[in-house]
Amino acid sequence: ASSLLSSLHPWFVRRRGKQAVHQRQERAGRAVMSSLVGRAKEFVAGKIAQIPKPEASLTGVSVKSLSRDSALFHSDVSVSNPYSHSLPICEVSYTLKSAGRLASSSTHAMVVASGTLPDPGSLPASVVTKLEVPVKVPYNFLVSLVRDIGRDWDIDYELQVGLTIDLPIVGDFTIPLSTKGEMKLPTLSDIF
C-alpha cells in the first residue's frame, strides 16, 4: 500500500501544482477584468458628462387671473434644446412655498400649492421654448395667509420646479429650478 502511495505522490503534487497555477491565473484574469470594467465605467461617465444637455431658467411668479374661488399664479420656464430633434418632456412638477412670518425659516416654509403639469408635450429641436407653469391657489388658503401678509399684501415666496426630460442614451434627466421673490397678492377690490 505504501508503494502505491509513493508512486501516486508525484501525480498528486503535479495536479495540486497545476490547480494552484490555474487558480492564480483565474485571480489575475478577474483583476484584469475588474480593471477593464472600471476603466469602461469611467469612460462612459466621461462621455455622458460631455453630452449636451438642455438648459432652463425660471421667471418670477405673478398673478395671471382671478376668479371668485381662486387665484391663478404663473411663472415661465425658458428651456433651450441643443439637439437637432425634439425631446419629450416627461414631467413638470412644481411647489410654491410661502416664506413669511408664519413660516419661521425657508426650511420650514409653508407649501401653498404643488402638483404636476398634465401632458407637458415636447421641446422642439434647436430652439428656446417657453413653458408656462400655472399654479392655482384657493382663496380660502390665501385668506389664511392674511396674518402673514401684513398691510401691504406682499408675500415672500419660493417656487421650485423640476423639469424632467427624456435624453437620448442618458434617459430621464431632471433640471431643478427655483426662484424666490416677493409677490403682491390680489385684494378683494381686485376680485370684485
N, C-alpha and C. Protein backbone atom coordinates (compact mmCIF):
# COMPACT_ATOMS: atom_id res chain seq x y z
N ALA A 1 0.82 -1.19 0.00
CA ALA A 1 0.00 0.00 0.00
C ALA A 1 0.87 1.25 0.00
N SER A 2 1.99 1.19 0.73
CA SER A 2 2.85 2.36 0.77
C SER A 2 3.54 2.58 -0.57
N SER A 3 3.84 1.47 -1.32
CA SER A 3 4.45 1.63 -2.64
C SER A 3 3.46 2.27 -3.62
N LEU A 4 2.17 1.95 -3.46
CA LEU A 4 1.15 2.55 -4.32
C LEU A 4 1.06 4.06 -4.06
N LEU A 5 1.06 4.47 -2.79
CA LEU A 5 1.00 5.88 -2.44
C LEU A 5 2.25 6.62 -2.92
N SER A 6 3.40 5.99 -2.76
CA SER A 6 4.62 6.66 -3.18
C SER A 6 4.66 6.81 -4.70
N SER A 7 4.08 5.88 -5.43
CA SER A 7 4.06 6.03 -6.89
C SER A 7 3.03 7.07 -7.33
N LEU A 8 1.94 7.27 -6.58
CA LEU A 8 0.93 8.28 -6.92
C LEU A 8 1.31 9.68 -6.44
N HIS A 9 2.20 9.77 -5.47
CA HIS A 9 2.57 11.06 -4.86
C HIS A 9 3.00 12.09 -5.90
N PRO A 10 3.89 11.79 -6.85
CA PRO A 10 4.26 12.82 -7.84
C PRO A 10 3.07 13.28 -8.67
N TRP A 11 2.13 12.38 -8.93
CA TRP A 11 0.94 12.76 -9.70
C TRP A 11 0.10 13.78 -8.92
N PHE A 12 -0.09 13.52 -7.58
CA PHE A 12 -0.83 14.45 -6.72
C PHE A 12 -0.13 15.80 -6.65
N VAL A 13 1.18 15.79 -6.52
CA VAL A 13 1.94 17.04 -6.42
C VAL A 13 1.81 17.84 -7.71
N ARG A 14 1.94 17.15 -8.87
CA ARG A 14 1.80 17.84 -10.15
C ARG A 14 0.39 18.42 -10.29
N ARG A 15 -0.61 17.61 -9.92
CA ARG A 15 -2.01 18.05 -10.05
C ARG A 15 -2.29 19.27 -9.16
N ARG A 16 -1.82 19.20 -7.90
CA ARG A 16 -2.01 20.34 -6.99
C ARG A 16 -1.27 21.56 -7.52
N GLY A 17 -0.11 21.37 -8.04
CA GLY A 17 0.66 22.47 -8.61
C GLY A 17 -0.07 23.10 -9.78
N LYS A 18 -0.65 22.27 -10.66
CA LYS A 18 -1.42 22.77 -11.80
C LYS A 18 -2.65 23.53 -11.33
N GLN A 19 -3.32 22.99 -10.28
CA GLN A 19 -4.50 23.67 -9.74
C GLN A 19 -4.13 25.03 -9.17
N ALA A 20 -3.02 25.11 -8.46
CA ALA A 20 -2.59 26.38 -7.88
C ALA A 20 -2.27 27.38 -8.97
N VAL A 21 -1.61 26.93 -10.02
CA VAL A 21 -1.30 27.82 -11.14
C VAL A 21 -2.59 28.28 -11.80
N HIS A 22 -3.52 27.37 -11.99
CA HIS A 22 -4.81 27.70 -12.61
C HIS A 22 -5.57 28.72 -11.75
N GLN A 23 -5.56 28.54 -10.43
CA GLN A 23 -6.24 29.48 -9.54
C GLN A 23 -5.60 30.86 -9.61
N ARG A 24 -4.25 30.93 -9.65
CA ARG A 24 -3.56 32.22 -9.77
C ARG A 24 -3.92 32.90 -11.09
N GLN A 25 -4.01 32.11 -12.15
CA GLN A 25 -4.38 32.66 -13.45
C GLN A 25 -5.81 33.20 -13.43
N GLU A 26 -6.72 32.47 -12.77
CA GLU A 26 -8.10 32.94 -12.67
C GLU A 26 -8.18 34.25 -11.90
N ARG A 27 -7.44 34.35 -10.78
CA ARG A 27 -7.43 35.58 -9.99
C ARG A 27 -6.86 36.74 -10.80
N ALA A 28 -5.81 36.49 -11.52
CA ALA A 28 -5.20 37.53 -12.35
C ALA A 28 -6.17 37.95 -13.45
N GLY A 29 -6.89 37.00 -14.04
CA GLY A 29 -7.88 37.31 -15.07
C GLY A 29 -9.01 38.15 -14.52
N ARG A 30 -9.46 37.82 -13.29
CA ARG A 30 -10.53 38.61 -12.67
C ARG A 30 -10.06 40.02 -12.36
N ALA A 31 -8.81 40.18 -11.93
CA ALA A 31 -8.26 41.51 -11.64
C ALA A 31 -8.19 42.34 -12.92
N VAL A 32 -7.77 41.72 -14.00
CA VAL A 32 -7.70 42.42 -15.28
C VAL A 32 -9.11 42.82 -15.72
N MET A 33 -10.06 41.89 -15.59
CA MET A 33 -11.45 42.18 -15.97
C MET A 33 -12.02 43.31 -15.13
N SER A 34 -11.76 43.27 -13.82
CA SER A 34 -12.24 44.31 -12.92
C SER A 34 -11.65 45.67 -13.31
N SER A 35 -10.39 45.69 -13.64
CA SER A 35 -9.74 46.92 -14.07
C SER A 35 -10.35 47.44 -15.37
N LEU A 36 -10.61 46.54 -16.32
CA LEU A 36 -11.23 46.93 -17.59
C LEU A 36 -12.63 47.49 -17.38
N VAL A 37 -13.40 46.83 -16.51
CA VAL A 37 -14.77 47.30 -16.23
C VAL A 37 -14.72 48.68 -15.58
N GLY A 38 -13.78 48.87 -14.65
CA GLY A 38 -13.63 50.18 -14.01
C GLY A 38 -13.28 51.26 -15.02
N ARG A 39 -12.37 50.96 -15.92
CA ARG A 39 -11.99 51.93 -16.95
C ARG A 39 -13.16 52.21 -17.89
N ALA A 40 -13.92 51.17 -18.22
CA ALA A 40 -15.08 51.36 -19.10
C ALA A 40 -16.11 52.26 -18.44
N LYS A 41 -16.35 52.06 -17.13
CA LYS A 41 -17.30 52.91 -16.40
C LYS A 41 -16.84 54.36 -16.42
N GLU A 42 -15.56 54.59 -16.18
CA GLU A 42 -15.02 55.95 -16.19
C GLU A 42 -15.17 56.57 -17.58
N PHE A 43 -14.90 55.79 -18.62
CA PHE A 43 -15.02 56.28 -19.99
C PHE A 43 -16.45 56.68 -20.30
N VAL A 44 -17.40 55.81 -19.97
CA VAL A 44 -18.81 56.09 -20.24
C VAL A 44 -19.28 57.31 -19.43
N ALA A 45 -18.89 57.38 -18.14
CA ALA A 45 -19.28 58.53 -17.32
C ALA A 45 -18.72 59.82 -17.91
N GLY A 46 -17.49 59.79 -18.40
CA GLY A 46 -16.89 60.97 -19.03
C GLY A 46 -17.63 61.38 -20.29
N LYS A 47 -18.01 60.39 -21.10
CA LYS A 47 -18.74 60.69 -22.34
C LYS A 47 -20.12 61.25 -22.04
N ILE A 48 -20.80 60.67 -21.05
CA ILE A 48 -22.14 61.15 -20.69
C ILE A 48 -22.06 62.57 -20.15
N ALA A 49 -21.00 62.87 -19.39
CA ALA A 49 -20.84 64.23 -18.86
C ALA A 49 -20.65 65.24 -19.99
N GLN A 50 -20.10 64.80 -21.12
CA GLN A 50 -19.87 65.69 -22.24
C GLN A 50 -21.07 65.83 -23.17
N ILE A 51 -22.09 65.01 -22.99
CA ILE A 51 -23.29 65.10 -23.84
C ILE A 51 -23.98 66.43 -23.55
N PRO A 52 -24.30 67.19 -24.59
CA PRO A 52 -25.00 68.46 -24.33
C PRO A 52 -26.37 68.19 -23.69
N LYS A 53 -26.70 69.03 -22.74
CA LYS A 53 -27.97 68.87 -22.04
C LYS A 53 -28.79 70.16 -22.18
N PRO A 54 -30.09 70.04 -22.17
CA PRO A 54 -30.92 71.25 -22.21
C PRO A 54 -30.65 72.11 -20.98
N GLU A 55 -30.79 73.41 -21.15
CA GLU A 55 -30.64 74.35 -20.05
C GLU A 55 -31.95 75.09 -19.88
N ALA A 56 -32.23 75.52 -18.64
CA ALA A 56 -33.51 76.17 -18.38
C ALA A 56 -33.33 77.31 -17.39
N SER A 57 -34.25 78.27 -17.46
CA SER A 57 -34.31 79.35 -16.49
C SER A 57 -35.77 79.59 -16.13
N LEU A 58 -35.97 80.17 -14.96
CA LEU A 58 -37.32 80.34 -14.41
C LEU A 58 -37.54 81.80 -14.08
N THR A 59 -38.69 82.35 -14.49
CA THR A 59 -39.02 83.75 -14.15
C THR A 59 -39.74 83.78 -12.81
N GLY A 60 -39.93 84.95 -12.28
CA GLY A 60 -40.65 85.11 -11.03
C GLY A 60 -42.12 84.76 -11.17
N VAL A 61 -42.82 84.79 -10.07
CA VAL A 61 -44.23 84.44 -10.02
C VAL A 61 -45.07 85.70 -10.10
N SER A 62 -46.16 85.65 -10.87
CA SER A 62 -47.07 86.78 -10.95
C SER A 62 -48.51 86.26 -11.02
N VAL A 63 -49.45 87.17 -10.77
CA VAL A 63 -50.86 86.80 -10.83
C VAL A 63 -51.29 86.81 -12.29
N LYS A 64 -51.88 85.71 -12.73
CA LYS A 64 -52.34 85.63 -14.12
C LYS A 64 -53.82 85.97 -14.21
N SER A 65 -54.62 85.38 -13.33
CA SER A 65 -56.05 85.66 -13.37
C SER A 65 -56.67 85.42 -12.00
N LEU A 66 -57.86 85.97 -11.83
CA LEU A 66 -58.61 85.83 -10.58
C LEU A 66 -60.00 85.33 -10.89
N SER A 67 -60.50 84.50 -10.03
CA SER A 67 -61.89 84.06 -10.14
C SER A 67 -62.51 84.22 -8.76
N ARG A 68 -63.74 83.86 -8.62
CA ARG A 68 -64.42 84.01 -7.33
C ARG A 68 -63.92 83.02 -6.28
N ASP A 69 -63.30 81.92 -6.71
CA ASP A 69 -62.88 80.92 -5.73
C ASP A 69 -61.36 80.71 -5.65
N SER A 70 -60.59 81.28 -6.59
CA SER A 70 -59.15 81.05 -6.55
C SER A 70 -58.39 82.13 -7.30
N ALA A 71 -57.09 82.12 -7.09
CA ALA A 71 -56.18 82.98 -7.85
C ALA A 71 -55.26 82.06 -8.65
N LEU A 72 -55.01 82.43 -9.88
CA LEU A 72 -54.12 81.64 -10.73
C LEU A 72 -52.83 82.43 -10.90
N PHE A 73 -51.76 81.87 -10.34
CA PHE A 73 -50.43 82.46 -10.48
C PHE A 73 -49.72 81.73 -11.61
N HIS A 74 -48.67 82.35 -12.13
CA HIS A 74 -47.91 81.64 -13.15
C HIS A 74 -46.46 82.10 -13.16
N SER A 75 -45.64 81.24 -13.73
CA SER A 75 -44.23 81.53 -13.96
C SER A 75 -43.87 80.90 -15.30
N ASP A 76 -42.87 81.44 -15.95
CA ASP A 76 -42.44 80.89 -17.23
C ASP A 76 -41.09 80.18 -17.07
N VAL A 77 -40.96 79.04 -17.71
CA VAL A 77 -39.70 78.31 -17.78
C VAL A 77 -39.22 78.40 -19.22
N SER A 78 -38.03 78.95 -19.43
CA SER A 78 -37.42 79.00 -20.76
C SER A 78 -36.43 77.86 -20.85
N VAL A 79 -36.61 76.98 -21.85
CA VAL A 79 -35.77 75.79 -21.99
C VAL A 79 -35.13 75.79 -23.37
N SER A 80 -33.81 75.62 -23.41
CA SER A 80 -33.12 75.53 -24.69
C SER A 80 -32.83 74.07 -24.99
N ASN A 81 -33.14 73.64 -26.22
CA ASN A 81 -32.89 72.27 -26.66
C ASN A 81 -31.70 72.29 -27.62
N PRO A 82 -30.54 71.73 -27.22
CA PRO A 82 -29.36 71.78 -28.08
C PRO A 82 -29.35 70.72 -29.19
N TYR A 83 -30.36 69.87 -29.23
CA TYR A 83 -30.37 68.76 -30.18
C TYR A 83 -31.11 69.13 -31.48
N SER A 84 -30.81 68.38 -32.53
CA SER A 84 -31.44 68.61 -33.83
C SER A 84 -32.75 67.84 -33.97
N HIS A 85 -33.24 67.31 -32.87
CA HIS A 85 -34.55 66.63 -32.86
C HIS A 85 -35.28 67.02 -31.58
N SER A 86 -36.59 66.87 -31.60
CA SER A 86 -37.38 67.25 -30.42
C SER A 86 -37.13 66.28 -29.27
N LEU A 87 -37.33 66.79 -28.06
CA LEU A 87 -37.15 65.98 -26.85
C LEU A 87 -38.47 65.92 -26.10
N PRO A 88 -38.92 64.72 -25.73
CA PRO A 88 -40.15 64.64 -24.95
C PRO A 88 -39.95 65.12 -23.52
N ILE A 89 -40.91 65.87 -23.04
CA ILE A 89 -40.90 66.29 -21.64
C ILE A 89 -41.69 65.25 -20.87
N CYS A 90 -41.05 64.61 -19.92
CA CYS A 90 -41.73 63.57 -19.14
C CYS A 90 -42.65 64.17 -18.08
N GLU A 91 -42.16 65.23 -17.42
CA GLU A 91 -42.93 65.78 -16.32
C GLU A 91 -42.43 67.18 -15.97
N VAL A 92 -43.35 68.03 -15.56
CA VAL A 92 -43.01 69.32 -14.97
C VAL A 92 -43.71 69.34 -13.63
N SER A 93 -42.93 69.30 -12.56
CA SER A 93 -43.51 69.34 -11.21
C SER A 93 -43.19 70.70 -10.59
N TYR A 94 -44.05 71.15 -9.68
CA TYR A 94 -43.83 72.46 -9.06
C TYR A 94 -44.29 72.43 -7.61
N THR A 95 -43.66 73.31 -6.83
CA THR A 95 -44.05 73.55 -5.44
C THR A 95 -43.89 75.04 -5.18
N LEU A 96 -44.97 75.69 -4.77
CA LEU A 96 -44.95 77.10 -4.40
C LEU A 96 -45.02 77.18 -2.89
N LYS A 97 -44.04 77.87 -2.29
CA LYS A 97 -43.97 77.98 -0.83
C LYS A 97 -44.03 79.44 -0.41
N SER A 98 -44.62 79.66 0.75
CA SER A 98 -44.63 80.97 1.38
C SER A 98 -43.53 80.97 2.43
N ALA A 99 -42.68 81.98 2.40
CA ALA A 99 -41.58 82.05 3.35
C ALA A 99 -41.71 83.30 4.21
N GLY A 100 -42.87 83.51 4.78
CA GLY A 100 -43.10 84.72 5.58
C GLY A 100 -42.98 84.47 7.06
N ARG A 101 -43.65 85.33 7.84
CA ARG A 101 -43.55 85.25 9.30
C ARG A 101 -44.14 83.96 9.85
N LEU A 102 -45.18 83.41 9.24
CA LEU A 102 -45.76 82.16 9.74
C LEU A 102 -44.78 81.00 9.58
N ALA A 103 -44.03 81.05 8.54
CA ALA A 103 -43.01 80.03 8.32
C ALA A 103 -41.70 80.64 8.81
N SER A 104 -41.21 80.20 9.96
CA SER A 104 -40.10 80.86 10.65
C SER A 104 -38.80 80.88 9.85
N SER A 105 -38.61 79.96 8.94
CA SER A 105 -37.41 79.97 8.09
C SER A 105 -37.74 79.32 6.77
N SER A 106 -36.85 79.49 5.80
CA SER A 106 -37.12 78.93 4.47
C SER A 106 -37.16 77.41 4.50
N THR A 107 -36.48 76.80 5.50
CA THR A 107 -36.54 75.34 5.58
C THR A 107 -37.89 74.88 6.12
N HIS A 108 -38.61 75.78 6.79
CA HIS A 108 -39.94 75.46 7.31
C HIS A 108 -41.01 76.25 6.58
N ALA A 109 -40.78 76.55 5.34
CA ALA A 109 -41.73 77.33 4.55
C ALA A 109 -43.05 76.56 4.40
N MET A 110 -44.13 77.32 4.33
CA MET A 110 -45.45 76.73 4.19
C MET A 110 -45.72 76.46 2.71
N VAL A 111 -46.11 75.24 2.38
CA VAL A 111 -46.42 74.90 1.00
C VAL A 111 -47.79 75.48 0.67
N VAL A 112 -47.82 76.34 -0.34
CA VAL A 112 -49.05 76.98 -0.79
C VAL A 112 -49.75 76.09 -1.80
N ALA A 113 -48.99 75.56 -2.75
CA ALA A 113 -49.56 74.69 -3.78
C ALA A 113 -48.44 73.84 -4.37
N SER A 114 -48.81 72.65 -4.83
CA SER A 114 -47.84 71.79 -5.52
C SER A 114 -48.60 70.89 -6.48
N GLY A 115 -47.88 70.37 -7.46
CA GLY A 115 -48.52 69.48 -8.42
C GLY A 115 -47.63 69.23 -9.62
N THR A 116 -48.21 68.66 -10.65
CA THR A 116 -47.51 68.41 -11.91
C THR A 116 -48.38 68.90 -13.06
N LEU A 117 -47.73 69.26 -14.14
CA LEU A 117 -48.46 69.70 -15.33
C LEU A 117 -48.89 68.49 -16.13
N PRO A 118 -50.16 68.42 -16.52
CA PRO A 118 -50.60 67.31 -17.35
C PRO A 118 -50.09 67.47 -18.78
N ASP A 119 -49.56 66.41 -19.34
CA ASP A 119 -49.09 66.35 -20.73
C ASP A 119 -48.33 67.61 -21.15
N PRO A 120 -47.09 67.78 -20.64
CA PRO A 120 -46.34 68.99 -20.98
C PRO A 120 -45.84 69.05 -22.43
N GLY A 121 -45.92 67.96 -23.20
CA GLY A 121 -45.54 67.99 -24.62
C GLY A 121 -44.07 67.68 -24.83
N SER A 122 -43.45 68.40 -25.78
CA SER A 122 -42.04 68.17 -26.08
C SER A 122 -41.37 69.49 -26.42
N LEU A 123 -40.04 69.46 -26.44
CA LEU A 123 -39.25 70.63 -26.78
C LEU A 123 -38.84 70.54 -28.24
N PRO A 124 -39.24 71.49 -29.08
CA PRO A 124 -38.84 71.46 -30.48
C PRO A 124 -37.31 71.53 -30.62
N ALA A 125 -36.81 71.05 -31.72
CA ALA A 125 -35.36 70.97 -31.97
C ALA A 125 -34.71 72.34 -32.07
N SER A 126 -33.56 72.47 -31.46
CA SER A 126 -32.64 73.62 -31.61
C SER A 126 -33.24 74.99 -31.37
N VAL A 127 -34.19 75.10 -30.46
CA VAL A 127 -34.78 76.41 -30.15
C VAL A 127 -34.98 76.54 -28.65
N VAL A 128 -35.29 77.77 -28.23
CA VAL A 128 -35.66 78.03 -26.84
C VAL A 128 -37.18 78.03 -26.76
N THR A 129 -37.72 77.25 -25.86
CA THR A 129 -39.17 77.10 -25.70
C THR A 129 -39.58 77.65 -24.34
N LYS A 130 -40.68 78.39 -24.31
CA LYS A 130 -41.23 78.87 -23.05
C LYS A 130 -42.38 77.98 -22.64
N LEU A 131 -42.30 77.49 -21.41
CA LEU A 131 -43.38 76.70 -20.83
C LEU A 131 -43.99 77.50 -19.70
N GLU A 132 -45.30 77.57 -19.65
CA GLU A 132 -45.97 78.27 -18.56
C GLU A 132 -46.28 77.27 -17.46
N VAL A 133 -45.96 77.65 -16.23
CA VAL A 133 -46.27 76.83 -15.07
C VAL A 133 -47.38 77.53 -14.30
N PRO A 134 -48.63 77.08 -14.49
CA PRO A 134 -49.74 77.70 -13.76
C PRO A 134 -49.90 77.08 -12.38
N VAL A 135 -50.16 77.92 -11.39
CA VAL A 135 -50.35 77.45 -10.01
C VAL A 135 -51.66 78.03 -9.50
N LYS A 136 -52.62 77.15 -9.26
CA LYS A 136 -53.94 77.58 -8.78
C LYS A 136 -53.97 77.51 -7.25
N VAL A 137 -54.31 78.63 -6.64
CA VAL A 137 -54.35 78.70 -5.18
C VAL A 137 -55.76 79.12 -4.75
N PRO A 138 -56.44 78.29 -3.96
CA PRO A 138 -57.79 78.64 -3.50
C PRO A 138 -57.75 79.86 -2.57
N TYR A 139 -58.79 80.69 -2.63
CA TYR A 139 -58.84 81.88 -1.79
C TYR A 139 -58.86 81.54 -0.31
N ASN A 140 -59.50 80.43 0.06
CA ASN A 140 -59.53 80.12 1.49
C ASN A 140 -58.12 79.93 2.03
N PHE A 141 -57.20 79.45 1.21
CA PHE A 141 -55.81 79.33 1.65
C PHE A 141 -55.15 80.71 1.71
N LEU A 142 -55.45 81.56 0.72
CA LEU A 142 -54.88 82.90 0.72
C LEU A 142 -55.35 83.69 1.93
N VAL A 143 -56.62 83.51 2.31
CA VAL A 143 -57.16 84.20 3.48
C VAL A 143 -56.40 83.77 4.74
N SER A 144 -56.00 82.49 4.80
CA SER A 144 -55.24 82.03 5.97
C SER A 144 -53.85 82.66 6.03
N LEU A 145 -53.38 83.20 4.90
CA LEU A 145 -52.09 83.87 4.87
C LEU A 145 -52.18 85.35 5.23
N VAL A 146 -53.40 85.87 5.42
CA VAL A 146 -53.58 87.31 5.66
C VAL A 146 -52.75 87.77 6.85
N ARG A 147 -52.68 86.99 7.92
CA ARG A 147 -51.88 87.37 9.08
C ARG A 147 -50.41 87.54 8.70
N ASP A 148 -49.97 86.74 7.76
CA ASP A 148 -48.57 86.77 7.32
C ASP A 148 -48.30 87.93 6.36
N ILE A 149 -49.32 88.35 5.67
CA ILE A 149 -49.14 89.32 4.59
C ILE A 149 -48.88 90.73 5.13
N GLY A 150 -49.61 91.10 6.15
CA GLY A 150 -49.46 92.46 6.67
C GLY A 150 -50.31 93.42 5.88
N ARG A 151 -50.01 94.71 5.99
CA ARG A 151 -50.83 95.75 5.36
C ARG A 151 -50.57 95.88 3.87
N ASP A 152 -49.38 95.52 3.40
CA ASP A 152 -49.04 95.76 2.00
C ASP A 152 -49.47 94.62 1.07
N TRP A 153 -49.98 93.54 1.57
CA TRP A 153 -50.43 92.38 0.80
C TRP A 153 -49.30 91.74 -0.02
N ASP A 154 -48.08 91.92 0.45
CA ASP A 154 -46.95 91.26 -0.19
C ASP A 154 -46.61 89.98 0.56
N ILE A 155 -46.17 89.00 -0.17
CA ILE A 155 -45.79 87.73 0.44
C ILE A 155 -44.48 87.26 -0.17
N ASP A 156 -43.59 86.80 0.70
CA ASP A 156 -42.34 86.21 0.21
C ASP A 156 -42.63 84.80 -0.24
N TYR A 157 -42.08 84.43 -1.38
CA TYR A 157 -42.38 83.11 -1.92
C TYR A 157 -41.11 82.45 -2.44
N GLU A 158 -41.21 81.16 -2.63
CA GLU A 158 -40.20 80.38 -3.33
C GLU A 158 -40.94 79.40 -4.24
N LEU A 159 -40.57 79.39 -5.50
CA LEU A 159 -41.15 78.44 -6.45
C LEU A 159 -40.05 77.48 -6.88
N GLN A 160 -40.32 76.19 -6.68
CA GLN A 160 -39.39 75.14 -7.11
C GLN A 160 -40.04 74.37 -8.24
N VAL A 161 -39.29 74.19 -9.33
CA VAL A 161 -39.80 73.48 -10.49
C VAL A 161 -38.80 72.39 -10.86
N GLY A 162 -39.30 71.20 -11.15
CA GLY A 162 -38.47 70.11 -11.65
C GLY A 162 -38.91 69.78 -13.07
N LEU A 163 -38.04 70.00 -14.03
CA LEU A 163 -38.34 69.74 -15.44
C LEU A 163 -37.63 68.45 -15.83
N THR A 164 -38.40 67.39 -16.06
CA THR A 164 -37.82 66.08 -16.40
C THR A 164 -37.97 65.84 -17.89
N ILE A 165 -36.82 65.61 -18.54
CA ILE A 165 -36.75 65.44 -20.00
C ILE A 165 -36.13 64.08 -20.29
N ASP A 166 -36.58 63.43 -21.35
CA ASP A 166 -36.03 62.14 -21.76
C ASP A 166 -34.90 62.39 -22.76
N LEU A 167 -33.65 62.25 -22.29
CA LEU A 167 -32.48 62.46 -23.15
C LEU A 167 -32.04 61.16 -23.80
N PRO A 168 -31.58 61.22 -25.06
CA PRO A 168 -31.06 60.01 -25.70
C PRO A 168 -29.88 59.46 -24.91
N ILE A 169 -29.75 58.17 -24.82
CA ILE A 169 -28.69 57.44 -24.14
C ILE A 169 -28.77 57.60 -22.62
N VAL A 170 -28.92 58.83 -22.12
CA VAL A 170 -28.90 59.11 -20.69
C VAL A 170 -30.18 58.65 -20.02
N GLY A 171 -31.33 58.87 -20.65
CA GLY A 171 -32.62 58.56 -20.04
C GLY A 171 -33.23 59.80 -19.43
N ASP A 172 -34.06 59.63 -18.41
CA ASP A 172 -34.73 60.76 -17.77
C ASP A 172 -33.71 61.65 -17.07
N PHE A 173 -33.78 62.94 -17.35
CA PHE A 173 -32.85 63.92 -16.80
C PHE A 173 -33.69 65.06 -16.24
N THR A 174 -33.54 65.35 -14.93
CA THR A 174 -34.34 66.40 -14.29
C THR A 174 -33.50 67.64 -14.08
N ILE A 175 -34.02 68.77 -14.54
CA ILE A 175 -33.38 70.06 -14.32
C ILE A 175 -34.11 70.72 -13.15
N PRO A 176 -33.43 70.87 -12.01
CA PRO A 176 -34.08 71.53 -10.87
C PRO A 176 -33.95 73.05 -11.00
N LEU A 177 -35.05 73.75 -10.83
CA LEU A 177 -35.07 75.21 -10.93
C LEU A 177 -35.75 75.78 -9.70
N SER A 178 -35.36 76.97 -9.30
CA SER A 178 -36.08 77.64 -8.22
C SER A 178 -35.90 79.15 -8.36
N THR A 179 -36.87 79.87 -7.87
CA THR A 179 -36.82 81.32 -7.84
C THR A 179 -37.48 81.79 -6.54
N LYS A 180 -36.97 82.87 -6.00
CA LYS A 180 -37.53 83.47 -4.79
C LYS A 180 -37.84 84.92 -5.08
N GLY A 181 -38.79 85.44 -4.35
CA GLY A 181 -39.13 86.84 -4.53
C GLY A 181 -40.26 87.25 -3.63
N GLU A 182 -40.81 88.40 -3.98
CA GLU A 182 -41.95 88.93 -3.24
C GLU A 182 -43.05 89.20 -4.25
N MET A 183 -44.24 88.79 -3.90
CA MET A 183 -45.36 88.94 -4.83
C MET A 183 -46.50 89.66 -4.12
N LYS A 184 -47.16 90.52 -4.86
CA LYS A 184 -48.32 91.24 -4.32
C LYS A 184 -49.56 90.39 -4.59
N LEU A 185 -50.27 90.04 -3.53
CA LEU A 185 -51.49 89.25 -3.66
C LEU A 185 -52.66 90.15 -4.06
N PRO A 186 -53.62 89.57 -4.75
CA PRO A 186 -54.79 90.36 -5.13
C PRO A 186 -55.64 90.71 -3.91
N THR A 187 -56.18 91.91 -3.90
CA THR A 187 -57.06 92.33 -2.80
C THR A 187 -58.49 92.02 -3.20
N LEU A 188 -59.41 92.19 -2.26
CA LEU A 188 -60.82 91.96 -2.55
C LEU A 188 -61.34 92.88 -3.63
N SER A 189 -60.81 94.10 -3.69
CA SER A 189 -61.23 95.03 -4.73
C SER A 189 -60.76 94.57 -6.11
N ASP A 190 -59.67 93.81 -6.19
CA ASP A 190 -59.22 93.26 -7.45
C ASP A 190 -60.17 92.17 -7.95
N ILE A 191 -60.80 91.48 -7.01
CA ILE A 191 -61.68 90.38 -7.36
C ILE A 191 -63.04 90.89 -7.82
N PHE A 192 -63.56 91.89 -7.11
CA PHE A 192 -64.92 92.35 -7.41
C PHE A 192 -64.89 93.56 -8.22
